[in-house]
Amino acid sequence: MKVDVQFLPMGPPSEFLSNRAVVVIDVLRATSVIIHAISRGAMEIIPVVTVDDAFGLAKTFPAGTTLLGGERGSRKIPGFDFGNSPENMCLKRWEGEG
């Protein structure tokens, strides 16, 4: 068996992946959270660098159309809708039930 390991944030070309099994280890959890959010109905994910950036960007969208997710020190950020785990997202709001 041959195993190729890639530590770069960008993946290899698609032709490199043809007929291969691929395993992604998401050390930062961000990818897992983004994939889960999109699979549950999120229309768009916009990563930002700071908490202030998140609050500022959210204000540019119509009220009630934006959810904020993230954490600092393993705790949900005050004023955010959920933390940084797929398990604690308020998914009903994306599904139009909340």
PDB file of N, CA and C in Angstrom:
ATOM      1  N   MET A   1       0.845  -1.176   0.000  1.00  0.00           N
ATOM      2  CA  MET A   1       0.000   0.000   0.000  1.00  0.00           C
ATOM      3  C   MET A   1       0.891   1.241   0.000  1.00  0.00           C
ATOM      4  N   LYS A   2       0.509   2.204  -0.783  1.00  0.00           N
ATOM      5  CA  LYS A   2       1.226   3.475  -0.833  1.00  0.00           C
ATOM      6  C   LYS A   2       0.338   4.555  -0.209  1.00  0.00           C
ATOM      7  N   VAL A   3       0.910   5.358   0.670  1.00  0.00           N
ATOM      8  CA  VAL A   3       0.182   6.435   1.329  1.00  0.00           C
ATOM      9  C   VAL A   3       0.879   7.749   1.010  1.00  0.00           C
ATOM     10  N   ASP A   4       0.106   8.703   0.502  1.00  0.00           N
ATOM     11  CA  ASP A   4       0.621  10.053   0.259  1.00  0.00           C
ATOM     12  C   ASP A   4       0.039  10.959   1.338  1.00  0.00           C
ATOM     13  N   VAL A   5       0.878  11.789   1.920  1.00  0.00           N
ATOM     14  CA  VAL A   5       0.443  12.718   2.961  1.00  0.00           C
ATOM     15  C   VAL A   5       0.674  14.126   2.453  1.00  0.00           C
ATOM     16  N   GLN A   6      -0.326  14.983   2.638  1.00  0.00           N
ATOM     17  CA  GLN A   6      -0.215  16.367   2.192  1.00  0.00           C
ATOM     18  C   GLN A   6      -0.604  17.277   3.345  1.00  0.00           C
ATOM     19  N   PHE A   7       0.284  18.169   3.732  1.00  0.00           N
ATOM     20  CA  PHE A   7       0.040  19.075   4.850  1.00  0.00           C
ATOM     21  C   PHE A   7      -0.351  20.483   4.410  1.00  0.00           C
ATOM     22  N   LEU A   8      -0.563  20.686   3.156  1.00  0.00           N
ATOM     23  CA  LEU A   8      -0.886  22.013   2.643  1.00  0.00           C
ATOM     24  C   LEU A   8      -2.382  22.301   2.775  1.00  0.00           C
ATOM     25  N   PRO A   9      -2.755  23.558   2.895  1.00  0.00           N
ATOM     26  CA  PRO A   9      -4.176  23.879   3.022  1.00  0.00           C
ATOM     27  C   PRO A   9      -4.959  23.697   1.725  1.00  0.00           C
ATOM     28  N   MET A  10      -4.280  23.566   0.605  1.00  0.00           N
ATOM     29  CA  MET A  10      -4.987  23.356  -0.658  1.00  0.00           C
ATOM     30  C   MET A  10      -4.766  21.918  -1.111  1.00  0.00           C
ATOM     31  N   GLY A  11      -5.788  21.356  -1.715  1.00  0.00           N
ATOM     32  CA  GLY A  11      -5.719  19.966  -2.142  1.00  0.00           C
ATOM     33  C   GLY A  11      -4.949  19.780  -3.434  1.00  0.00           C
ATOM     34  N   PRO A  12      -4.663  18.537  -3.766  1.00  0.00           N
ATOM     35  CA  PRO A  12      -3.978  18.229  -5.017  1.00  0.00           C
ATOM     36  C   PRO A  12      -4.940  18.375  -6.188  1.00  0.00           C
ATOM     37  N   PRO A  13      -4.432  18.391  -7.408  1.00  0.00           N
ATOM     38  CA  PRO A  13      -5.303  18.478  -8.586  1.00  0.00           C
ATOM     39  C   PRO A  13      -6.278  17.292  -8.624  1.00  0.00           C
ATOM     40  N   SER A  14      -7.452  17.486  -9.185  1.00  0.00           N
ATOM     41  CA  SER A  14      -8.478  16.442  -9.197  1.00  0.00           C
ATOM     42  C   SER A  14      -8.003  15.165  -9.885  1.00  0.00           C
ATOM     43  N   GLU A  15      -7.172  15.273 -10.908  1.00  0.00           N
ATOM     44  CA  GLU A  15      -6.688  14.063 -11.586  1.00  0.00           C
ATOM     45  C   GLU A  15      -5.813  13.205 -10.657  1.00  0.00           C
ATOM     46  N   PHE A  16      -5.195  13.830  -9.659  1.00  0.00           N
ATOM     47  CA  PHE A  16      -4.394  13.104  -8.673  1.00  0.00           C
ATOM     48  C   PHE A  16      -5.286  12.249  -7.770  1.00  0.00           C
ATOM     49  N   LEU A  17      -6.548  12.655  -7.599  1.00  0.00           N
ATOM     50  CA  LEU A  17      -7.466  11.970  -6.696  1.00  0.00           C
ATOM     51  C   LEU A  17      -8.285  10.871  -7.363  1.00  0.00           C
ATOM     52  N   SER A  18      -8.265  10.799  -8.679  1.00  0.00           N
ATOM     53  CA  SER A  18      -9.066   9.799  -9.386  1.00  0.00           C
ATOM     54  C   SER A  18      -8.706   8.390  -8.940  1.00  0.00           C
ATOM     55  N   ASN A  19      -9.745   7.593  -8.660  1.00  0.00           N
ATOM     56  CA  ASN A  19      -9.590   6.192  -8.261  1.00  0.00           C
ATOM     57  C   ASN A  19      -8.740   6.012  -7.012  1.00  0.00           C
ATOM     58  N   ARG A  20      -8.849   6.935  -6.066  1.00  0.00           N
ATOM     59  CA  ARG A  20      -8.116   6.837  -4.802  1.00  0.00           C
ATOM     60  C   ARG A  20      -9.071   7.080  -3.647  1.00  0.00           C
ATOM     61  N   ALA A  21      -8.739   6.517  -2.515  1.00  0.00           N
ATOM     62  CA  ALA A  21      -9.453   6.827  -1.275  1.00  0.00           C
ATOM     63  C   ALA A  21      -8.759   8.025  -0.640  1.00  0.00           C
ATOM     64  N   VAL A  22      -9.535   8.965  -0.120  1.00  0.00           N
ATOM     65  CA  VAL A  22      -8.977  10.178   0.470  1.00  0.00           C
ATOM     66  C   VAL A  22      -9.492  10.312   1.903  1.00  0.00           C
ATOM     67  N   VAL A  23      -8.597  10.629   2.814  1.00  0.00           N
ATOM     68  CA  VAL A  23      -8.951  10.863   4.210  1.00  0.00           C
ATOM     69  C   VAL A  23      -8.499  12.277   4.557  1.00  0.00           C
ATOM     70  N   VAL A  24      -9.409  13.074   5.147  1.00  0.00           N
ATOM     71  CA  VAL A  24      -9.083  14.431   5.565  1.00  0.00           C
ATOM     72  C   VAL A  24      -9.117  14.470   7.086  1.00  0.00           C
ATOM     73  N   ILE A  25      -8.039  14.914   7.689  1.00  0.00           N
ATOM     74  CA  ILE A  25      -7.995  15.091   9.137  1.00  0.00           C
ATOM     75  C   ILE A  25      -8.042  16.593   9.384  1.00  0.00           C
ATOM     76  N   ASP A  26      -9.134  17.045   9.929  1.00  0.00           N
ATOM     77  CA  ASP A  26      -9.383  18.467  10.124  1.00  0.00           C
ATOM     78  C   ASP A  26      -8.975  18.854  11.537  1.00  0.00           C
ATOM     79  N   VAL A  27      -7.755  19.260  11.691  1.00  0.00           N
ATOM     80  CA  VAL A  27      -7.218  19.583  13.008  1.00  0.00           C
ATOM     81  C   VAL A  27      -7.922  20.793  13.610  1.00  0.00           C
ATOM     82  N   LEU A  28      -8.349  21.726  12.816  1.00  0.00           N
ATOM     83  CA  LEU A  28      -8.963  22.954  13.315  1.00  0.00           C
ATOM     84  C   LEU A  28     -10.487  22.898  13.402  1.00  0.00           C
ATOM     85  N   ARG A  29     -11.110  21.847  12.957  1.00  0.00           N
ATOM     86  CA  ARG A  29     -12.553  21.639  12.965  1.00  0.00           C
ATOM     87  C   ARG A  29     -13.323  22.544  12.023  1.00  0.00           C
ATOM     88  N   ALA A  30     -12.730  23.560  11.488  1.00  0.00           N
ATOM     89  CA  ALA A  30     -13.476  24.501  10.655  1.00  0.00           C
ATOM     90  C   ALA A  30     -14.117  23.809   9.460  1.00  0.00           C
ATOM     91  N   THR A  31     -13.377  22.949   8.792  1.00  0.00           N
ATOM     92  CA  THR A  31     -13.919  22.281   7.615  1.00  0.00           C
ATOM     93  C   THR A  31     -15.126  21.427   7.982  1.00  0.00           C
ATOM     94  N   SER A  32     -15.045  20.710   9.081  1.00  0.00           N
ATOM     95  CA  SER A  32     -16.167  19.868   9.514  1.00  0.00           C
ATOM     96  C   SER A  32     -17.406  20.710   9.798  1.00  0.00           C
ATOM     97  N   VAL A  33     -17.226  21.831  10.457  1.00  0.00           N
ATOM     98  CA  VAL A  33     -18.347  22.712  10.779  1.00  0.00           C
ATOM     99  C   VAL A  33     -18.952  23.290   9.506  1.00  0.00           C
ATOM    100  N   ILE A  34     -18.122  23.731   8.579  1.00  0.00           N
ATOM    101  CA  ILE A  34     -18.611  24.305   7.318  1.00  0.00           C
ATOM    102  C   ILE A  34     -19.388  23.272   6.510  1.00  0.00           C
ATOM    103  N   ILE A  35     -18.846  22.074   6.379  1.00  0.00           N
ATOM    104  CA  ILE A  35     -19.530  21.024   5.621  1.00  0.00           C
ATOM    105  C   ILE A  35     -20.867  20.683   6.267  1.00  0.00           C
ATOM    106  N   HIS A  36     -20.894  20.579   7.582  1.00  0.00           N
ATOM    107  CA  HIS A  36     -22.134  20.268   8.286  1.00  0.00           C
ATOM    108  C   HIS A  36     -23.165  21.381   8.082  1.00  0.00           C
ATOM    109  N   ALA A  37     -22.737  22.615   8.195  1.00  0.00           N
ATOM    110  CA  ALA A  37     -23.659  23.745   8.023  1.00  0.00           C
ATOM    111  C   ALA A  37     -24.265  23.756   6.619  1.00  0.00           C
ATOM    112  N   ILE A  38     -23.447  23.555   5.613  1.00  0.00           N
ATOM    113  CA  ILE A  38     -23.948  23.546   4.235  1.00  0.00           C
ATOM    114  C   ILE A  38     -24.879  22.359   4.018  1.00  0.00           C
ATOM    115  N   SER A  39     -24.535  21.207   4.579  1.00  0.00           N
ATOM    116  CA  SER A  39     -25.391  20.029   4.403  1.00  0.00           C
ATOM    117  C   SER A  39     -26.749  20.213   5.072  1.00  0.00           C
ATOM    118  N   ARG A  40     -26.836  21.099   6.058  1.00  0.00           N
ATOM    119  CA  ARG A  40     -28.090  21.356   6.756  1.00  0.00           C
ATOM    120  C   ARG A  40     -28.824  22.585   6.249  1.00  0.00           C
ATOM    121  N   GLY A  41     -28.339  23.190   5.154  1.00  0.00           N
ATOM    122  CA  GLY A  41     -29.097  24.266   4.532  1.00  0.00           C
ATOM    123  C   GLY A  41     -28.472  25.639   4.523  1.00  0.00           C
ATOM    124  N   ALA A  42     -27.291  25.812   5.097  1.00  0.00           N
ATOM    125  CA  ALA A  42     -26.652  27.134   5.032  1.00  0.00           C
ATOM    126  C   ALA A  42     -26.391  27.481   3.568  1.00  0.00           C
ATOM    127  N   MET A  43     -26.722  28.682   3.191  1.00  0.00           N
ATOM    128  CA  MET A  43     -26.546  29.120   1.807  1.00  0.00           C
ATOM    129  C   MET A  43     -25.110  29.532   1.505  1.00  0.00           C
ATOM    130  N   GLU A  44     -24.417  30.018   2.534  1.00  0.00           N
ATOM    131  CA  GLU A  44     -23.071  30.557   2.330  1.00  0.00           C
ATOM    132  C   GLU A  44     -22.357  30.592   3.677  1.00  0.00           C
ATOM    133  N   ILE A  45     -21.064  30.370   3.643  1.00  0.00           N
ATOM    134  CA  ILE A  45     -20.218  30.494   4.828  1.00  0.00           C
ATOM    135  C   ILE A  45     -19.143  31.524   4.489  1.00  0.00           C
ATOM    136  N   ILE A  46     -18.989  32.523   5.328  1.00  0.00           N
ATOM    137  CA  ILE A  46     -17.978  33.559   5.088  1.00  0.00           C
ATOM    138  C   ILE A  46     -17.044  33.602   6.301  1.00  0.00           C
ATOM    139  N   PRO A  47     -15.883  32.967   6.202  1.00  0.00           N
ATOM    140  CA  PRO A  47     -14.927  33.030   7.322  1.00  0.00           C
ATOM    141  C   PRO A  47     -14.354  34.441   7.470  1.00  0.00           C
ATOM    142  N   VAL A  48     -14.157  34.867   8.703  1.00  0.00           N
ATOM    143  CA  VAL A  48     -13.542  36.163   8.991  1.00  0.00           C
ATOM    144  C   VAL A  48     -12.434  35.958  10.017  1.00  0.00           C
ATOM    145  N   VAL A  49     -11.609  36.971  10.195  1.00  0.00           N
ATOM    146  CA  VAL A  49     -10.456  36.855  11.087  1.00  0.00           C
ATOM    147  C   VAL A  49     -10.808  37.172  12.534  1.00  0.00           C
ATOM    148  N   THR A  50     -11.624  38.190  12.755  1.00  0.00           N
ATOM    149  CA  THR A  50     -11.894  38.623  14.128  1.00  0.00           C
ATOM    150  C   THR A  50     -13.389  38.612  14.441  1.00  0.00           C
ATOM    151  N   VAL A  51     -13.702  38.645  15.719  1.00  0.00           N
ATOM    152  CA  VAL A  51     -15.087  38.730  16.177  1.00  0.00           C
ATOM    153  C   VAL A  51     -15.720  40.023  15.667  1.00  0.00           C
ATOM    154  N   ASP A  52     -14.996  41.121  15.749  1.00  0.00           N
ATOM    155  CA  ASP A  52     -15.515  42.397  15.248  1.00  0.00           C
ATOM    156  C   ASP A  52     -15.821  42.329  13.758  1.00  0.00           C
ATOM    157  N   ASP A  53     -14.975  41.639  13.002  1.00  0.00           N
ATOM    158  CA  ASP A  53     -15.238  41.464  11.565  1.00  0.00           C
ATOM    159  C   ASP A  53     -16.563  40.732  11.352  1.00  0.00           C
ATOM    160  N   ALA A  54     -16.819  39.711  12.174  1.00  0.00           N
ATOM    161  CA  ALA A  54     -18.056  38.938  12.040  1.00  0.00           C
ATOM    162  C   ALA A  54     -19.280  39.811  12.317  1.00  0.00           C
ATOM    163  N   PHE A  55     -19.242  40.552  13.419  1.00  0.00           N
ATOM    164  CA  PHE A  55     -20.372  41.423  13.739  1.00  0.00           C
ATOM    165  C   PHE A  55     -20.560  42.496  12.667  1.00  0.00           C
ATOM    166  N   GLY A  56     -19.474  43.067  12.193  1.00  0.00           N
ATOM    167  CA  GLY A  56     -19.564  44.097  11.159  1.00  0.00           C
ATOM    168  C   GLY A  56     -20.134  43.559   9.866  1.00  0.00           C
ATOM    169  N   LEU A  57     -19.678  42.389   9.439  1.00  0.00           N
ATOM    170  CA  LEU A  57     -20.168  41.800   8.196  1.00  0.00           C
ATOM    171  C   LEU A  57     -21.637  41.414   8.322  1.00  0.00           C
ATOM    172  N   ALA A  58     -22.027  40.890   9.468  1.00  0.00           N
ATOM    173  CA  ALA A  58     -23.423  40.490   9.671  1.00  0.00           C
ATOM    174  C   ALA A  58     -24.366  41.673   9.502  1.00  0.00           C
ATOM    175  N   LYS A  59     -23.914  42.861   9.885  1.00  0.00           N
ATOM    176  CA  LYS A  59     -24.754  44.059   9.760  1.00  0.00           C
ATOM    177  C   LYS A  59     -25.011  44.457   8.315  1.00  0.00           C
ATOM    178  N   THR A  60     -24.224  43.942   7.378  1.00  0.00           N
ATOM    179  CA  THR A  60     -24.409  44.299   5.964  1.00  0.00           C
ATOM    180  C   THR A  60     -25.489  43.466   5.282  1.00  0.00           C
ATOM    181  N   PHE A  61     -26.029  42.459   5.989  1.00  0.00           N
ATOM    182  CA  PHE A  61     -27.068  41.602   5.440  1.00  0.00           C
ATOM    183  C   PHE A  61     -28.409  41.959   6.067  1.00  0.00           C
ATOM    184  N   PRO A  62     -29.522  41.640   5.392  1.00  0.00           N
ATOM    185  CA  PRO A  62     -30.839  41.926   5.979  1.00  0.00           C
ATOM    186  C   PRO A  62     -31.010  41.225   7.329  1.00  0.00           C
ATOM    187  N   ALA A  63     -31.707  41.863   8.224  1.00  0.00           N
ATOM    188  CA  ALA A  63     -31.941  41.315   9.563  1.00  0.00           C
ATOM    189  C   ALA A  63     -32.580  39.934   9.475  1.00  0.00           C
ATOM    190  N   GLY A  64     -32.120  39.028  10.312  1.00  0.00           N
ATOM    191  CA  GLY A  64     -32.686  37.688  10.360  1.00  0.00           C
ATOM    192  C   GLY A  64     -32.166  36.717   9.317  1.00  0.00           C
ATOM    193  N   THR A  65     -31.209  37.146   8.495  1.00  0.00           N
ATOM    194  CA  THR A  65     -30.703  36.261   7.444  1.00  0.00           C
ATOM    195  C   THR A  65     -29.319  35.716   7.726  1.00  0.00           C
ATOM    196  N   THR A  66     -28.719  36.125   8.835  1.00  0.00           N
ATOM    197  CA  THR A  66     -27.333  35.744   9.121  1.00  0.00           C
ATOM    198  C   THR A  66     -27.227  35.098  10.490  1.00  0.00           C
ATOM    199  N   LEU A  67     -26.458  34.004  10.559  1.00  0.00           N
ATOM    200  CA  LEU A  67     -26.138  33.359  11.825  1.00  0.00           C
ATOM    201  C   LEU A  67     -24.640  33.431  12.034  1.00  0.00           C
ATOM    202  N   LEU A  68     -24.224  33.666  13.260  1.00  0.00           N
ATOM    203  CA  LEU A  68     -22.800  33.735  13.576  1.00  0.00           C
ATOM    204  C   LEU A  68     -22.404  32.509  14.388  1.00  0.00           C
ATOM    205  N   GLY A  69     -21.289  31.916  14.019  1.00  0.00           N
ATOM    206  CA  GLY A  69     -20.783  30.765  14.750  1.00  0.00           C
ATOM    207  C   GLY A  69     -19.295  30.903  15.000  1.00  0.00           C
ATOM    208  N   GLY A  70     -18.854  30.524  16.166  1.00  0.00           N
ATOM    209  CA  GLY A  70     -17.438  30.571  16.498  1.00  0.00           C
ATOM    210  C   GLY A  70     -17.250  30.487  17.998  1.00  0.00           C
ATOM    211  N   GLU A  71     -16.009  30.334  18.395  1.00  0.00           N
ATOM    212  CA  GLU A  71     -15.725  30.261  19.823  1.00  0.00           C
ATOM    213  C   GLU A  71     -14.350  30.828  20.122  1.00  0.00           C
ATOM    214  N   ARG A  72     -14.181  31.193  21.351  1.00  0.00           N
ATOM    215  CA  ARG A  72     -12.895  31.638  21.888  1.00  0.00           C
ATOM    216  C   ARG A  72     -12.703  30.917  23.209  1.00  0.00           C
ATOM    217  N   GLY A  73     -11.548  30.333  23.414  1.00  0.00           N
ATOM    218  CA  GLY A  73     -11.306  29.605  24.656  1.00  0.00           C
ATOM    219  C   GLY A  73     -12.264  28.444  24.847  1.00  0.00           C
ATOM    220  N   SER A  74     -12.642  27.786  23.758  1.00  0.00           N
ATOM    221  CA  SER A  74     -13.568  26.641  23.780  1.00  0.00           C
ATOM    222  C   SER A  74     -14.981  27.004  24.235  1.00  0.00           C
ATOM    223  N   ARG A  75     -15.334  28.286  24.172  1.00  0.00           N
ATOM    224  CA  ARG A  75     -16.682  28.730  24.558  1.00  0.00           C
ATOM    225  C   ARG A  75     -17.282  29.568  23.435  1.00  0.00           C
ATOM    226  N   LYS A  76     -18.608  29.422  23.285  1.00  0.00           N
ATOM    227  CA  LYS A  76     -19.326  30.218  22.288  1.00  0.00           C
ATOM    228  C   LYS A  76     -19.093  31.700  22.557  1.00  0.00           C
ATOM    229  N   ILE A  77     -18.898  32.456  21.514  1.00  0.00           N
ATOM    230  CA  ILE A  77     -18.665  33.895  21.629  1.00  0.00           C
ATOM    231  C   ILE A  77     -19.987  34.583  22.004  1.00  0.00           C
ATOM    232  N   PRO A  78     -19.985  35.433  23.032  1.00  0.00           N
ATOM    233  CA  PRO A  78     -21.198  36.163  23.397  1.00  0.00           C
ATOM    234  C   PRO A  78     -21.765  36.919  22.188  1.00  0.00           C
ATOM    235  N   GLY A  79     -23.062  36.767  21.967  1.00  0.00           N
ATOM    236  CA  GLY A  79     -23.722  37.410  20.837  1.00  0.00           C
ATOM    237  C   GLY A  79     -23.761  36.550  19.584  1.00  0.00           C
ATOM    238  N   PHE A  80     -23.029  35.434  19.569  1.00  0.00           N
ATOM    239  CA  PHE A  80     -23.058  34.515  18.433  1.00  0.00           C
ATOM    240  C   PHE A  80     -24.220  33.537  18.615  1.00  0.00           C
ATOM    241  N   ASP A  81     -24.652  32.928  17.518  1.00  0.00           N
ATOM    242  CA  ASP A  81     -25.771  31.992  17.548  1.00  0.00           C
ATOM    243  C   ASP A  81     -25.358  30.602  18.032  1.00  0.00           C
ATOM    244  N   PHE A  82     -24.132  30.197  17.770  1.00  0.00           N
ATOM    245  CA  PHE A  82     -23.637  28.904  18.207  1.00  0.00           C
ATOM    246  C   PHE A  82     -22.124  28.904  18.241  1.00  0.00           C
ATOM    247  N   GLY A  83     -21.556  27.856  18.838  1.00  0.00           N
ATOM    248  CA  GLY A  83     -20.106  27.734  18.933  1.00  0.00           C
ATOM    249  C   GLY A  83     -19.507  27.143  17.669  1.00  0.00           C
ATOM    250  N   ASN A  84     -18.395  26.454  17.820  1.00  0.00           N
ATOM    251  CA  ASN A  84     -17.647  25.947  16.676  1.00  0.00           C
ATOM    252  C   ASN A  84     -17.715  24.421  16.615  1.00  0.00           C
ATOM    253  N   SER A  85     -18.890  23.866  16.796  1.00  0.00           N
ATOM    254  CA  SER A  85     -19.059  22.425  16.741  1.00  0.00           C
ATOM    255  C   SER A  85     -20.325  22.107  15.969  1.00  0.00           C
ATOM    256  N   PRO A  86     -20.258  21.127  15.076  1.00  0.00           N
ATOM    257  CA  PRO A  86     -21.478  20.757  14.357  1.00  0.00           C
ATOM    258  C   PRO A  86     -22.601  20.327  15.295  1.00  0.00           C
ATOM    259  N   GLU A  87     -22.255  19.813  16.457  1.00  0.00           N
ATOM    260  CA  GLU A  87     -23.260  19.310  17.387  1.00  0.00           C
ATOM    261  C   GLU A  87     -24.093  20.392  18.060  1.00  0.00           C
ATOM    262  N   ASN A  88     -23.574  21.636  18.144  1.00  0.00           N
ATOM    263  CA  ASN A  88     -24.342  22.641  18.885  1.00  0.00           C
ATOM    264  C   ASN A  88     -24.924  23.742  18.009  1.00  0.00           C
ATOM    265  N   MET A  89     -24.956  23.526  16.718  1.00  0.00           N
ATOM    266  CA  MET A  89     -25.529  24.545  15.833  1.00  0.00           C
ATOM    267  C   MET A  89     -27.044  24.565  15.956  1.00  0.00           C
ATOM    268  N   CYS A  90     -27.595  25.734  15.832  1.00  0.00           N
ATOM    269  CA  CYS A  90     -29.045  25.908  15.862  1.00  0.00           C
ATOM    270  C   CYS A  90     -29.558  25.687  14.446  1.00  0.00           C
ATOM    271  N   LEU A  91     -29.634  24.451  14.020  1.00  0.00           N
ATOM    272  CA  LEU A  91     -29.939  24.138  12.630  1.00  0.00           C
ATOM    273  C   LEU A  91     -31.381  24.436  12.247  1.00  0.00           C
ATOM    274  N   LYS A  92     -32.291  24.475  13.202  1.00  0.00           N
ATOM    275  CA  LYS A  92     -33.673  24.734  12.868  1.00  0.00           C
ATOM    276  C   LYS A  92     -33.834  26.105  12.216  1.00  0.00           C
ATOM    277  N   ARG A  93     -32.983  27.050  12.559  1.00  0.00           N
ATOM    278  CA  ARG A  93     -33.107  28.379  11.964  1.00  0.00           C
ATOM    279  C   ARG A  93     -32.768  28.326  10.480  1.00  0.00           C
ATOM    280  N   TRP A  94     -31.843  27.445  10.076  1.00  0.00           N
ATOM    281  CA  TRP A  94     -31.539  27.303   8.659  1.00  0.00           C
ATOM    282  C   TRP A  94     -32.662  26.587   7.925  1.00  0.00           C
ATOM    283  N   GLU A  95     -33.352  25.731   8.626  1.00  0.00           N
ATOM    284  CA  GLU A  95     -34.386  24.936   7.985  1.00  0.00           C
ATOM    285  C   GLU A  95     -35.744  25.637   8.002  1.00  0.00           C
ATOM    286  N   GLY A  96     -35.766  26.882   8.481  1.00  0.00           N
ATOM    287  CA  GLY A  96     -36.995  27.660   8.477  1.00  0.00           C
ATOM    288  C   GLY A  96     -37.995  27.257   9.549  1.00  0.00           C
ATOM    289  N   GLU A  97     -37.527  26.588  10.601  1.00  0.00           N
ATOM    290  CA  GLU A  97     -38.427  26.126  11.647  1.00  0.00           C
ATOM    291  C   GLU A  97     -38.291  26.916  12.944  1.00  0.00           C
ATOM    292  N   GLY A  98     -37.408  27.914  12.994  1.00  0.00           N
ATOM    293  CA  GLY A  98     -37.186  28.541  14.294  1.00  0.00           C
ATOM    294  C   GLY A  98     -37.215  29.986  14.306  1.00  0.00           C
TER     295      GLY A  98
END
